[in-house]
Amino acid sequence: MSIQGHFIASSIGRIFVSQFGNTSGDVAVLCAPSIAEELNLSRAVLAKQCQAFAQQGIDSFILDYFACLIRIN
């Protein structure tokens, strides 16, 4: 299983995305974590969930809103 990081373009700037798996399949899961205080609490749970998906051969991605939240505020 591989873990990689990427930046993707958006209307408010670049968003960081963590990728679990190697994007070889036709199916992928996009995990959108909670916002604000819950974001830090949910990161570890989402990472474990994405690792489990990757072990089953399903690629998964986690969006990181941190940079977006700074620009909005």
Protein backbone atom coordinates (compact mmCIF):
# COMPACT_ATOMS: atom_id res chain seq x y z
CA MET A 1 0.00 0.00 0.00
CA SER A 2 1.30 3.42 -0.88
CA ILE A 3 0.47 6.79 0.68
CA GLN A 4 1.06 9.96 -1.33
CA GLY A 5 0.20 13.63 -1.06
CA HIS A 6 -1.01 15.90 -3.85
CA PHE A 7 -2.26 19.46 -4.28
CA ILE A 8 -5.33 19.99 -6.44
CA ALA A 9 -6.55 23.31 -7.81
CA SER A 10 -9.78 24.89 -6.55
CA SER A 11 -11.52 28.23 -6.90
CA ILE A 12 -10.01 29.43 -3.59
CA GLY A 13 -6.52 27.99 -4.03
CA ARG A 14 -4.81 24.63 -3.79
CA ILE A 15 -6.21 21.86 -1.57
CA PHE A 16 -4.00 19.12 -0.15
CA VAL A 17 -5.20 15.56 -0.73
CA SER A 18 -3.79 12.41 0.88
CA GLN A 19 -3.95 9.39 -1.43
CA PHE A 20 -4.04 5.82 -0.12
CA GLY A 21 -3.44 3.14 -2.76
CA ASN A 22 -1.99 3.46 -6.24
CA THR A 23 -5.00 4.52 -8.38
CA SER A 24 -5.00 1.38 -10.46
CA GLY A 25 -8.71 0.61 -10.17
CA ASP A 26 -11.91 2.07 -11.53
CA VAL A 27 -13.35 2.74 -8.06
CA ALA A 28 -12.15 5.20 -5.43
CA VAL A 29 -13.51 6.62 -2.17
CA LEU A 30 -13.31 10.33 -1.36
CA CYS A 31 -13.34 10.96 2.40
CA ALA A 32 -14.44 14.44 3.41
CA PRO A 33 -13.58 15.02 7.07
CA SER A 34 -15.49 17.19 9.50
CA ILE A 35 -14.74 20.89 9.76
CA ALA A 36 -13.32 22.92 12.71
CA GLU A 37 -12.37 21.13 15.95
CA GLU A 38 -13.68 17.80 14.73
CA LEU A 39 -11.17 17.84 11.84
CA ASN A 40 -8.22 17.02 14.10
CA LEU A 41 -10.17 14.31 15.90
CA SER A 42 -11.30 12.64 12.68
CA ARG A 43 -7.94 12.58 10.83
CA ALA A 44 -6.62 9.41 12.50
CA VAL A 45 -9.94 7.58 12.08
CA LEU A 46 -10.15 8.54 8.39
CA ALA A 47 -6.53 7.52 7.80
CA LYS A 48 -7.20 4.06 9.29
CA GLN A 49 -10.37 3.77 7.21
CA CYS A 50 -8.48 4.70 4.02
CA GLN A 51 -5.71 2.23 4.86
CA ALA A 52 -8.33 -0.51 5.21
CA PHE A 53 -9.82 0.44 1.83
CA ALA A 54 -6.35 0.36 0.24
CA GLN A 55 -5.65 -3.10 1.68
CA GLN A 56 -8.83 -4.28 -0.05
CA GLY A 57 -7.63 -2.79 -3.35
CA ILE A 58 -9.86 0.31 -3.21
CA ASP A 59 -8.07 3.61 -3.63
CA SER A 60 -9.13 6.39 -1.28
CA PHE A 61 -8.45 10.09 -0.76
CA ILE A 62 -8.75 12.48 2.20
CA LEU A 63 -9.24 16.21 1.61
CA ASP A 64 -7.36 18.55 3.94
CA TYR A 65 -9.37 21.74 4.41
CA PHE A 66 -6.77 23.53 6.55
CA ALA A 67 -5.51 25.89 3.85
CA CYS A 68 -9.07 26.57 2.67
CA LEU A 69 -10.27 27.48 6.16
CA ILE A 70 -7.43 29.97 6.59
CA ARG A 71 -8.29 31.74 3.32
CA ILE A 72 -12.03 31.88 4.07
CA ASN A 73 -11.53 33.37 7.53
